[in-house]
Amino acid sequence: MRLTKQWVVFEDMDKKLKVLLIVEQCNPEGSSVPLVGYNFYKEISQRAEVTLVTHGRNQASLKRAHPDSDIIYLYESDWSRRYYIVADRLSRIKGKIIWPLRLTLAYPIYAEFNRQVYQQFAPAIEQGRYDIVHAITPMVPRYPVKVVDACDRTPFILGPVNGGVPYPDGFKSVGRREFSGLNFLRSVGRFLIPGYQQTYQQADYILAGSSYTAGLIKRLFDLSDERVELFYENGLMPEFIKSSPTAQGSVQTTVPVPDHLSDPLLNLLFVGRLVPYKSADILIESLSKLPADILQRVRLTIVGDGSERGALERQVAALNLEQTVTFTGWVAQTETLQYYRQSDIFCFPSVREFGGAVVLEAMANGLPCIVVNNGGIGEYVTEQTGYKIEPISPLFVVQALAESIEQLAINPSLRQEMAENAIQRASAFTWDAKAARIVEIYRDLHSAYATTHATTDGQTPRPAKLSV
């Protein structure tokens, strides 16, 4: 009997799909990519029957959070452990990580994990034991996923992948300080890494974490628009949002927005690693351009640590801003909430940001955001929620940043309007909403595959194009 597409969809909605979730970096106690990977796993597993496969380095943390879950841990060999020590040393200069080199040297370690996943799970995938195979991390679009070769009759999803954003022309000197001259290794890898191009060409659906990356992978791999979806990788925990969406999609305020409009002081906030491309130095310089009466009201808190902290502290002293600028040092992600809640404006002039989770967190807490319009953060912020500065030159950004701070300082009603709009926009980025969309994609792909194979005799390859 041939099954109709409508019957298959009805059947799928009545059960949880079986999903093989490959999340090499997945750690509830981590930060950045491992924490993002974990949040995807946590929320998707509420909506699907998930088998998680991840690296053994995550086992202790995951067992504390999910002792009874279906999680498979793959461990590196003794050779990989020894190699990592060498790679770590080679990719550092005076303690600073050279990221283009680090990601290149780290590939053999990932390749071992990738090979183990294929060896252990390819037979089960080929036997149809999973409805969906989804590889989430690593998110940099330069590593292959070998199990795609086993997914002839099972939908394979990749992503969200992100990266590849270039340094603006006016900030090439910043790029050189971040060793951007080694970025050519990305292009070399596309040709030398086995299975790299096939992963993208054979994937049924790819989630891209920024408009730039979406366009990049379409061009590189000649992908149709129907196979790539813009899907920002960062999300928000409920406690980071000052308000929550109602069933009708409106916003119900649960905390006053914002907290400090009546405060004579204007509290600015920067959260991020203190490295060249984050451009905390530009923010500090912009304070010196403020009119004296406004500067007297301004207080800037810089949350974070990194290789540039000493230089930034010297810059603050040279500009006589010691009473204006405070450095907190490193703060755990869960503890940054207090700083968002005590602030009025978020200033984040990073010139090359892929995801920019801190901008979402700031918006969720009712902070108008001032950012540089390059990469993911320029897509989060709108004219209704803050200011986007074009990265023409450091001098231009300094002046535009000072002008934006001044406008918000003299116009409390504008700050409140932007604060409310920021919360409204950020509310769409909860992990819950993101997981719901991913499972919707799962169901659409599974339905398309089931329909194709239920109405076709014999062995058939994956559909050439699936619209979801």
Protein backbone atom coordinates (compact mmCIF):
# COMPACT_ATOMS: atom_id res chain seq x y z
CA MET A 1 0.00 0.00 0.00
CA ARG A 2 1.28 3.42 -0.91
CA LEU A 3 1.24 6.00 1.85
CA THR A 4 0.15 9.53 1.12
CA LYS A 5 2.13 12.47 2.39
CA GLN A 6 -0.81 13.60 4.55
CA TRP A 7 -0.99 10.22 6.30
CA VAL A 8 2.75 10.29 7.04
CA VAL A 9 2.57 13.78 8.54
CA PHE A 10 -0.30 12.72 10.79
CA GLU A 11 1.65 9.70 11.98
CA ASP A 12 4.78 11.77 12.66
CA MET A 13 2.91 14.34 14.73
CA ASP A 14 1.73 11.56 17.02
CA LYS A 15 5.19 10.39 18.00
CA LYS A 16 8.61 11.71 18.85
CA LEU A 17 11.15 11.40 16.07
CA LYS A 18 14.31 9.40 16.71
CA VAL A 19 17.22 11.79 16.29
CA LEU A 20 20.94 11.12 16.25
CA LEU A 21 22.38 14.39 17.50
CA ILE A 22 26.13 14.81 16.90
CA VAL A 23 27.40 17.56 19.19
CA GLU A 24 31.14 17.19 19.60
CA GLN A 25 31.33 20.26 21.85
CA CYS A 26 28.46 19.91 24.34
CA ASN A 27 28.98 21.00 27.92
CA PRO A 28 26.55 22.63 30.39
CA GLU A 29 29.46 23.97 32.42
CA GLY A 30 31.32 25.40 29.44
CA SER A 31 31.04 28.69 27.59
CA SER A 32 30.76 29.81 23.98
CA VAL A 33 30.43 26.89 21.52
CA PRO A 34 30.21 24.03 24.10
CA LEU A 35 27.45 25.84 26.00
CA VAL A 36 25.57 26.65 22.80
CA GLY A 37 25.83 23.01 21.74
CA TYR A 38 24.48 21.91 25.10
CA ASN A 39 21.53 24.28 25.00
CA PHE A 40 20.51 22.93 21.61
CA TYR A 41 20.72 19.37 22.95
CA LYS A 42 18.81 20.17 26.13
CA GLU A 43 15.86 21.76 24.34
CA ILE A 44 15.70 19.41 21.35
CA SER A 45 15.70 16.39 23.68
CA GLN A 46 12.46 17.71 25.21
CA ARG A 47 10.76 17.36 21.83
CA ALA A 48 12.42 14.34 20.23
CA GLU A 49 13.83 10.95 21.18
CA VAL A 50 17.48 11.97 21.09
CA THR A 51 20.63 9.91 21.11
CA LEU A 52 23.46 12.33 21.79
CA VAL A 53 26.98 11.50 20.66
CA THR A 54 29.65 13.78 22.02
CA HIS A 55 33.28 13.86 23.09
CA GLY A 56 34.33 12.15 26.29
CA ARG A 57 35.68 15.40 27.70
CA ASN A 58 32.04 16.40 28.33
CA GLN A 59 31.07 13.28 30.27
CA ALA A 60 31.48 14.50 33.85
CA SER A 61 29.44 17.66 33.30
CA LEU A 62 26.71 15.94 31.30
CA LYS A 63 26.35 13.11 33.82
CA ARG A 64 25.75 15.66 36.55
CA ALA A 65 23.04 17.34 34.48
CA HIS A 66 21.54 14.29 32.71
CA PRO A 67 22.46 11.07 34.56
CA ASP A 68 19.80 8.94 32.84
CA SER A 69 19.97 10.26 29.28
CA ASP A 70 20.93 8.35 26.15
CA ILE A 71 24.41 9.78 25.64
CA ILE A 72 27.32 8.10 23.88
CA TYR A 73 30.80 9.37 24.73
CA LEU A 74 33.70 8.97 22.32
CA TYR A 75 37.20 9.31 23.71
CA GLU A 76 40.38 10.49 22.09
CA SER A 77 43.38 8.23 21.77
CA ASP A 78 46.63 8.63 23.67
CA TRP A 79 48.13 9.95 20.46
CA SER A 80 45.49 12.71 20.25
CA ARG A 81 46.08 13.72 23.86
CA ARG A 82 49.79 14.07 23.23
CA TYR A 83 49.19 15.84 19.94
CA TYR A 84 46.85 18.36 21.59
CA ILE A 85 49.59 19.44 23.98
CA VAL A 86 51.90 20.12 21.04
CA ALA A 87 49.19 21.88 19.01
CA ASP A 88 48.26 24.07 21.96
CA ARG A 89 51.85 25.21 22.40
CA LEU A 90 52.35 25.86 18.69
CA SER A 91 49.19 27.96 18.45
CA ARG A 92 50.14 30.40 21.20
CA ILE A 93 52.40 33.43 21.32
CA LYS A 94 53.08 34.75 24.81
CA GLY A 95 49.97 32.99 26.05
CA LYS A 96 47.72 34.44 23.34
CA ILE A 97 45.88 31.96 21.12
CA ILE A 98 46.38 32.32 17.37
CA TRP A 99 42.90 31.17 16.39
CA PRO A 100 43.38 30.54 12.64
CA LEU A 101 46.35 28.32 13.48
CA ARG A 102 44.60 26.70 16.46
CA LEU A 103 41.59 25.64 14.39
CA THR A 104 43.86 24.25 11.69
CA LEU A 105 46.08 22.31 14.07
CA ALA A 106 43.06 21.01 15.97
CA TYR A 107 41.62 19.32 12.89
CA PRO A 108 43.32 15.91 13.45
CA ILE A 109 41.68 15.72 16.89
CA TYR A 110 38.27 16.45 15.41
CA ALA A 111 38.96 14.05 12.53
CA GLU A 112 39.44 11.21 15.02
CA PHE A 113 36.08 11.97 16.62
CA ASN A 114 34.47 12.28 13.18
CA ARG A 115 35.83 8.88 12.15
CA GLN A 116 34.66 7.26 15.39
CA VAL A 117 31.14 8.58 14.88
CA TYR A 118 31.04 7.07 11.41
CA GLN A 119 32.40 3.71 12.49
CA GLN A 120 29.99 3.38 15.40
CA PHE A 121 26.80 4.80 13.89
CA ALA A 122 26.90 4.35 10.11
CA PRO A 123 25.44 0.80 10.26
CA ALA A 124 22.52 1.93 12.45
CA ILE A 125 21.83 4.89 10.17
CA GLU A 126 21.86 2.67 7.08
CA GLN A 127 19.45 0.28 8.83
CA GLY A 128 17.00 3.15 9.37
CA ARG A 129 17.20 3.25 13.17
CA TYR A 130 17.10 7.05 13.18
CA ASP A 131 14.58 9.40 11.58
CA ILE A 132 17.01 12.33 11.48
CA VAL A 133 20.77 12.83 11.75
CA HIS A 134 21.78 16.32 12.86
CA ALA A 135 25.38 17.50 13.33
CA ILE A 136 25.52 20.72 15.35
CA THR A 137 29.13 21.40 16.34
CA PRO A 138 31.79 22.42 15.54
CA MET A 139 30.10 25.53 14.21
CA VAL A 140 32.99 26.86 12.15
CA PRO A 141 32.20 25.96 8.51
CA ARG A 142 35.46 24.17 7.81
CA TYR A 143 35.14 20.64 9.18
CA PRO A 144 33.41 17.68 7.46
CA VAL A 145 30.88 15.21 8.91
CA LYS A 146 31.55 11.73 7.54
CA VAL A 147 28.22 10.13 8.52
CA VAL A 148 26.57 12.10 5.73
CA ASP A 149 27.80 9.23 3.52
CA ALA A 150 25.52 6.84 5.42
CA CYS A 151 22.44 9.06 5.11
CA ASP A 152 21.13 7.94 1.72
CA ARG A 153 17.71 7.18 3.22
CA THR A 154 17.82 9.40 6.31
CA PRO A 155 17.70 13.23 6.29
CA PHE A 156 20.97 14.88 7.31
CA ILE A 157 21.01 18.40 8.77
CA LEU A 158 24.12 20.48 9.38
CA GLY A 159 24.47 23.50 11.60
CA PRO A 160 24.04 26.16 12.55
CA VAL A 161 27.43 26.88 11.04
CA ASN A 162 28.93 30.34 11.25
CA GLY A 163 32.13 32.18 10.51
CA GLY A 164 34.22 33.42 7.65
CA VAL A 165 33.34 37.07 8.28
CA PRO A 166 36.24 39.24 7.03
CA TYR A 167 37.76 42.20 8.82
CA PRO A 168 36.46 45.51 7.45
CA ASP A 169 38.87 47.36 5.18
CA GLY A 170 39.28 50.12 7.74
CA PHE A 171 40.34 47.61 10.41
CA LYS A 172 42.99 45.56 8.64
CA SER A 173 45.51 46.55 11.32
CA VAL A 174 43.25 44.97 13.93
CA GLY A 175 43.08 41.87 11.77
CA ARG A 176 46.85 41.66 11.65
CA ARG A 177 46.97 41.77 15.45
CA GLU A 178 44.58 38.79 15.38
CA PHE A 179 46.82 36.97 12.85
CA SER A 180 44.28 37.28 10.03
CA GLY A 181 47.11 36.64 7.58
CA LEU A 182 46.68 32.96 8.45
CA ASN A 183 43.04 32.91 7.38
CA PHE A 184 44.15 31.53 4.03
CA LEU A 185 44.30 28.19 5.85
CA ARG A 186 40.49 28.10 5.59
CA SER A 187 40.67 28.10 1.80
CA VAL A 188 43.41 25.49 1.76
CA GLY A 189 41.34 23.23 3.98
CA ARG A 190 38.42 23.28 1.55
CA PHE A 191 40.54 21.41 -0.94
CA LEU A 192 42.73 19.30 1.34
CA ILE A 193 40.35 18.05 4.04
CA PRO A 194 38.68 14.81 2.90
CA GLY A 195 34.90 15.01 2.76
CA TYR A 196 34.70 18.75 3.39
CA GLN A 197 32.89 19.72 0.20
CA GLN A 198 30.81 16.54 0.15
CA THR A 199 29.39 17.33 3.58
CA TYR A 200 27.81 20.52 2.31
CA GLN A 201 26.85 19.19 -1.09
CA GLN A 202 25.16 16.08 0.32
CA ALA A 203 23.45 17.72 3.31
CA ASP A 204 19.70 17.92 2.94
CA TYR A 205 19.43 21.10 4.96
CA ILE A 206 21.97 23.57 6.35
CA LEU A 207 21.40 26.11 9.10
CA ALA A 208 23.60 29.21 8.74
CA GLY A 209 24.30 31.42 11.75
CA SER A 210 24.58 34.72 9.85
CA SER A 211 23.59 36.19 6.51
CA TYR A 212 27.25 36.41 5.53
CA THR A 213 27.85 32.71 6.22
CA ALA A 214 24.64 31.73 4.42
CA GLY A 215 25.80 33.58 1.33
CA LEU A 216 29.31 32.18 1.64
CA ILE A 217 28.32 28.51 1.71
CA LYS A 218 25.81 29.00 -1.10
CA ARG A 219 28.57 30.43 -3.29
CA LEU A 220 31.25 27.93 -2.28
CA PHE A 221 29.12 24.84 -2.76
CA ASP A 222 26.60 26.03 -5.35
CA LEU A 223 23.67 25.44 -3.00
CA SER A 224 20.10 26.49 -3.73
CA ASP A 225 18.28 28.86 -1.41
CA GLU A 226 15.86 26.07 -0.46
CA ARG A 227 18.61 24.07 1.24
CA VAL A 228 19.99 26.87 3.44
CA GLU A 229 18.13 28.65 6.24
CA LEU A 230 19.31 31.67 8.21
CA PHE A 231 19.26 30.43 11.80
CA TYR A 232 21.21 32.38 14.44
CA GLU A 233 23.03 29.95 16.69
CA ASN A 234 22.74 31.92 19.93
CA GLY A 235 19.74 31.73 22.20
CA LEU A 236 18.51 32.99 25.55
CA MET A 237 17.69 31.33 28.83
CA PRO A 238 14.35 32.45 30.32
CA GLU A 239 16.01 34.17 33.27
CA PHE A 240 17.83 36.54 30.91
CA ILE A 241 14.59 37.98 29.55
CA LYS A 242 12.88 40.75 31.47
CA SER A 243 9.57 39.90 29.86
CA SER A 244 7.98 36.83 28.35
CA PRO A 245 5.82 36.34 25.25
CA THR A 246 2.15 35.62 25.83
CA ALA A 247 0.21 33.07 23.88
CA GLN A 248 -0.94 35.82 21.53
CA GLY A 249 2.64 36.83 20.76
CA SER A 250 2.52 40.09 22.70
CA VAL A 251 4.91 40.91 25.51
CA GLN A 252 3.93 40.93 29.15
CA THR A 253 6.39 42.93 31.23
CA THR A 254 7.51 41.21 34.42
CA VAL A 255 10.32 43.60 35.40
CA PRO A 256 10.24 47.42 35.03
CA VAL A 257 11.85 48.54 31.78
CA PRO A 258 14.45 49.86 32.22
CA ASP A 259 15.45 50.02 35.89
CA HIS A 260 17.46 53.24 35.97
CA LEU A 261 15.80 55.97 33.89
CA SER A 262 15.40 58.11 37.02
CA ASP A 263 19.03 57.60 38.02
CA PRO A 264 21.16 60.68 37.27
CA LEU A 265 24.02 58.35 36.35
CA LEU A 266 24.14 56.69 32.95
CA ASN A 267 25.49 53.17 33.29
CA LEU A 268 27.23 51.81 30.18
CA LEU A 269 28.19 48.15 29.88
CA PHE A 270 30.67 46.13 27.81
CA VAL A 271 30.78 42.32 28.13
CA GLY A 272 33.35 40.28 26.25
CA ARG A 273 36.91 39.02 25.97
CA LEU A 274 39.48 41.79 26.05
CA VAL A 275 41.11 41.05 22.71
CA PRO A 276 41.85 43.45 19.82
CA TYR A 277 38.84 42.81 17.59
CA LYS A 278 36.33 43.32 20.43
CA SER A 279 37.47 46.99 20.36
CA ALA A 280 37.03 47.96 24.00
CA ASP A 281 39.75 50.53 23.31
CA ILE A 282 37.43 52.27 20.83
CA LEU A 283 34.71 52.43 23.47
CA ILE A 284 37.10 53.94 26.03
CA GLU A 285 38.35 56.46 23.46
CA SER A 286 34.76 57.46 22.65
CA LEU A 287 34.15 58.46 26.28
CA SER A 288 36.85 61.10 25.97
CA LYS A 289 34.85 62.66 23.11
CA LEU A 290 31.71 63.18 25.19
CA PRO A 291 30.72 66.68 26.32
CA ALA A 292 31.94 67.33 29.87
CA ASP A 293 28.44 67.50 31.37
CA ILE A 294 27.52 64.11 29.96
CA LEU A 295 30.85 62.48 30.81
CA GLN A 296 30.27 63.46 34.44
CA ARG A 297 27.10 61.33 34.42
CA VAL A 298 28.60 58.32 32.63
CA ARG A 299 29.95 55.16 34.26
CA LEU A 300 31.32 52.31 32.14
CA THR A 301 31.68 48.76 33.45
CA ILE A 302 33.88 46.41 31.40
CA VAL A 303 33.08 42.77 32.18
CA GLY A 304 35.68 40.34 30.89
CA ASP A 305 39.37 39.62 30.73
CA GLY A 306 42.00 38.94 28.11
CA SER A 307 45.33 39.85 26.60
CA GLU A 308 44.44 43.54 26.14
CA ARG A 309 43.45 44.29 29.71
CA GLY A 310 46.76 45.87 30.70
CA ALA A 311 46.77 48.13 27.65
CA LEU A 312 43.17 49.13 28.29
CA GLU A 313 43.88 50.01 31.91
CA ARG A 314 46.80 52.18 30.77
CA GLN A 315 44.52 53.86 28.21
CA VAL A 316 41.99 54.65 30.93
CA ALA A 317 44.73 56.21 33.07
CA ALA A 318 46.11 58.24 30.16
CA LEU A 319 42.64 59.68 29.47
CA ASN A 320 41.99 60.41 33.16
CA LEU A 321 38.96 58.13 33.18
CA GLU A 322 39.75 56.16 36.33
CA GLN A 323 36.58 57.46 38.02
CA THR A 324 34.52 56.58 34.96
CA VAL A 325 35.67 53.10 33.93
CA THR A 326 35.61 49.94 36.07
CA PHE A 327 37.10 46.55 35.14
CA THR A 328 35.50 43.53 36.78
CA GLY A 329 37.72 40.83 35.30
CA TRP A 330 36.32 37.49 34.20
CA VAL A 331 32.75 36.76 35.32
CA ALA A 332 30.86 33.50 34.80
CA GLN A 333 28.12 33.73 32.18
CA THR A 334 25.42 32.97 34.73
CA GLU A 335 26.63 35.88 36.87
CA THR A 336 26.56 38.52 34.13
CA LEU A 337 22.83 38.99 34.57
CA GLN A 338 23.35 41.34 37.51
CA TYR A 339 25.46 43.63 35.33
CA TYR A 340 22.85 43.77 32.56
CA ARG A 341 20.14 44.54 35.10
CA GLN A 342 22.17 47.41 36.59
CA SER A 343 22.95 49.07 33.25
CA ASP A 344 21.25 51.48 30.85
CA ILE A 345 23.12 51.08 27.53
CA PHE A 346 25.14 48.24 26.03
CA CYS A 347 28.18 49.31 24.01
CA PHE A 348 29.84 46.59 21.95
CA PRO A 349 31.96 47.92 19.06
CA SER A 350 33.38 44.51 18.07
CA VAL A 351 34.45 44.72 14.44
CA ARG A 352 34.24 41.00 13.56
CA GLU A 353 31.59 39.14 15.50
CA PHE A 354 30.04 35.87 14.31
CA GLY A 355 27.34 35.27 16.90
CA GLY A 356 27.49 37.96 19.57
CA ALA A 357 25.38 36.30 22.27
CA VAL A 358 26.10 39.17 24.66
CA VAL A 359 24.14 41.54 22.41
CA LEU A 360 21.08 39.29 22.61
CA GLU A 361 21.47 39.09 26.38
CA ALA A 362 21.68 42.87 26.63
CA MET A 363 18.61 43.34 24.45
CA ALA A 364 16.71 40.80 26.53
CA ASN A 365 17.41 42.96 29.58
CA GLY A 366 16.08 46.12 28.02
CA LEU A 367 19.38 47.74 27.00
CA PRO A 368 19.59 49.81 23.83
CA CYS A 369 22.65 48.46 22.00
CA ILE A 370 25.35 50.33 20.13
CA VAL A 371 27.27 47.97 17.84
CA VAL A 372 29.44 47.90 14.74
CA ASN A 373 27.55 46.69 11.68
CA ASN A 374 29.70 43.73 10.67
CA GLY A 375 28.69 40.11 11.27
CA GLY A 376 25.92 38.69 13.39
CA ILE A 377 25.52 41.56 15.85
CA GLY A 378 24.55 43.92 13.05
CA GLU A 379 21.65 41.57 12.29
CA TYR A 380 20.36 41.43 15.86
CA VAL A 381 20.18 45.20 16.33
CA THR A 382 17.61 47.27 14.43
CA GLU A 383 16.95 51.01 14.26
CA GLN A 384 14.23 50.47 16.83
CA THR A 385 16.55 48.77 19.35
CA GLY A 386 19.80 50.72 19.08
CA TYR A 387 22.49 52.03 16.74
CA LYS A 388 24.54 50.22 14.09
CA ILE A 389 27.78 51.97 13.16
CA GLU A 390 29.38 51.27 9.80
CA PRO A 391 33.00 50.07 10.22
CA ILE A 392 34.55 52.77 8.03
CA SER A 393 37.56 53.41 10.26
CA PRO A 394 38.46 53.39 13.97
CA LEU A 395 38.19 57.18 14.09
CA PHE A 396 34.74 57.09 12.49
CA VAL A 397 33.50 54.46 14.95
CA VAL A 398 34.89 56.40 17.93
CA GLN A 399 33.04 59.56 16.88
CA ALA A 400 29.79 57.77 15.97
CA LEU A 401 29.85 55.82 19.24
CA ALA A 402 30.25 59.04 21.24
CA GLU A 403 27.38 60.65 19.35
CA SER A 404 25.14 57.65 19.93
CA ILE A 405 25.87 57.64 23.67
CA GLU A 406 25.15 61.37 23.80
CA GLN A 407 21.80 60.96 22.01
CA LEU A 408 20.69 58.30 24.45
CA ALA A 409 21.98 60.28 27.42
CA ILE A 410 19.89 63.37 26.63
CA ASN A 411 16.78 61.46 25.58
CA PRO A 412 15.42 59.14 28.30
CA SER A 413 12.19 58.56 26.37
CA LEU A 414 14.20 57.24 23.42
CA ARG A 415 16.07 54.91 25.76
CA GLN A 416 12.81 53.56 27.13
CA GLU A 417 11.33 53.07 23.67
CA MET A 418 14.43 51.23 22.49
CA ALA A 419 14.50 49.19 25.69
CA GLU A 420 10.96 47.95 25.16
CA ASN A 421 11.63 47.18 21.50
CA ALA A 422 14.83 45.34 22.41
CA ILE A 423 12.99 43.03 24.80
CA GLN A 424 10.30 42.40 22.21
CA ARG A 425 12.90 41.42 19.60
CA ALA A 426 15.03 39.34 21.97
CA SER A 427 12.00 37.32 23.11
CA ALA A 428 12.00 35.53 19.75
CA PHE A 429 15.47 34.10 20.48
CA THR A 430 14.68 31.78 23.39
CA TRP A 431 16.18 28.29 23.26
CA ASP A 432 12.66 26.94 23.49
CA ALA A 433 11.60 28.76 20.32
CA LYS A 434 14.76 27.73 18.48
CA ALA A 435 14.29 24.06 19.36
CA ALA A 436 10.66 24.21 18.28
CA ARG A 437 11.72 25.46 14.85
CA ILE A 438 14.39 22.77 14.52
CA VAL A 439 11.91 20.00 15.33
CA GLU A 440 9.53 21.51 12.78
CA ILE A 441 12.34 21.16 10.21
CA TYR A 442 12.90 17.58 11.35
CA ARG A 443 9.26 16.73 10.75
CA ASP A 444 9.15 18.36 7.33
CA LEU A 445 12.27 16.54 6.19
CA HIS A 446 11.14 13.22 7.66
CA SER A 447 7.76 13.58 5.97
CA ALA A 448 9.35 14.34 2.60
CA TYR A 449 11.66 11.33 2.88
CA ALA A 450 8.91 8.99 4.07
CA THR A 451 6.67 10.08 1.23
CA THR A 452 9.42 9.63 -1.37
CA HIS A 453 10.37 6.15 -0.18
CA ALA A 454 6.80 5.01 0.50
CA THR A 455 5.68 5.84 -3.05
CA THR A 456 8.75 4.61 -4.93
CA ASP A 457 9.77 1.02 -5.62
CA GLY A 458 13.29 -0.16 -4.88
CA GLN A 459 16.26 1.73 -3.46
CA THR A 460 16.11 5.45 -4.05
CA PRO A 461 18.64 8.15 -3.26
CA ARG A 462 17.83 11.14 -1.10
CA PRO A 463 15.59 13.73 -2.75
CA ALA A 464 17.64 16.26 -4.69
CA LYS A 465 15.83 19.20 -3.08
CA LEU A 466 13.51 19.42 -0.10
CA SER A 467 11.48 22.51 0.67
CA VAL A 468 10.85 23.05 4.36
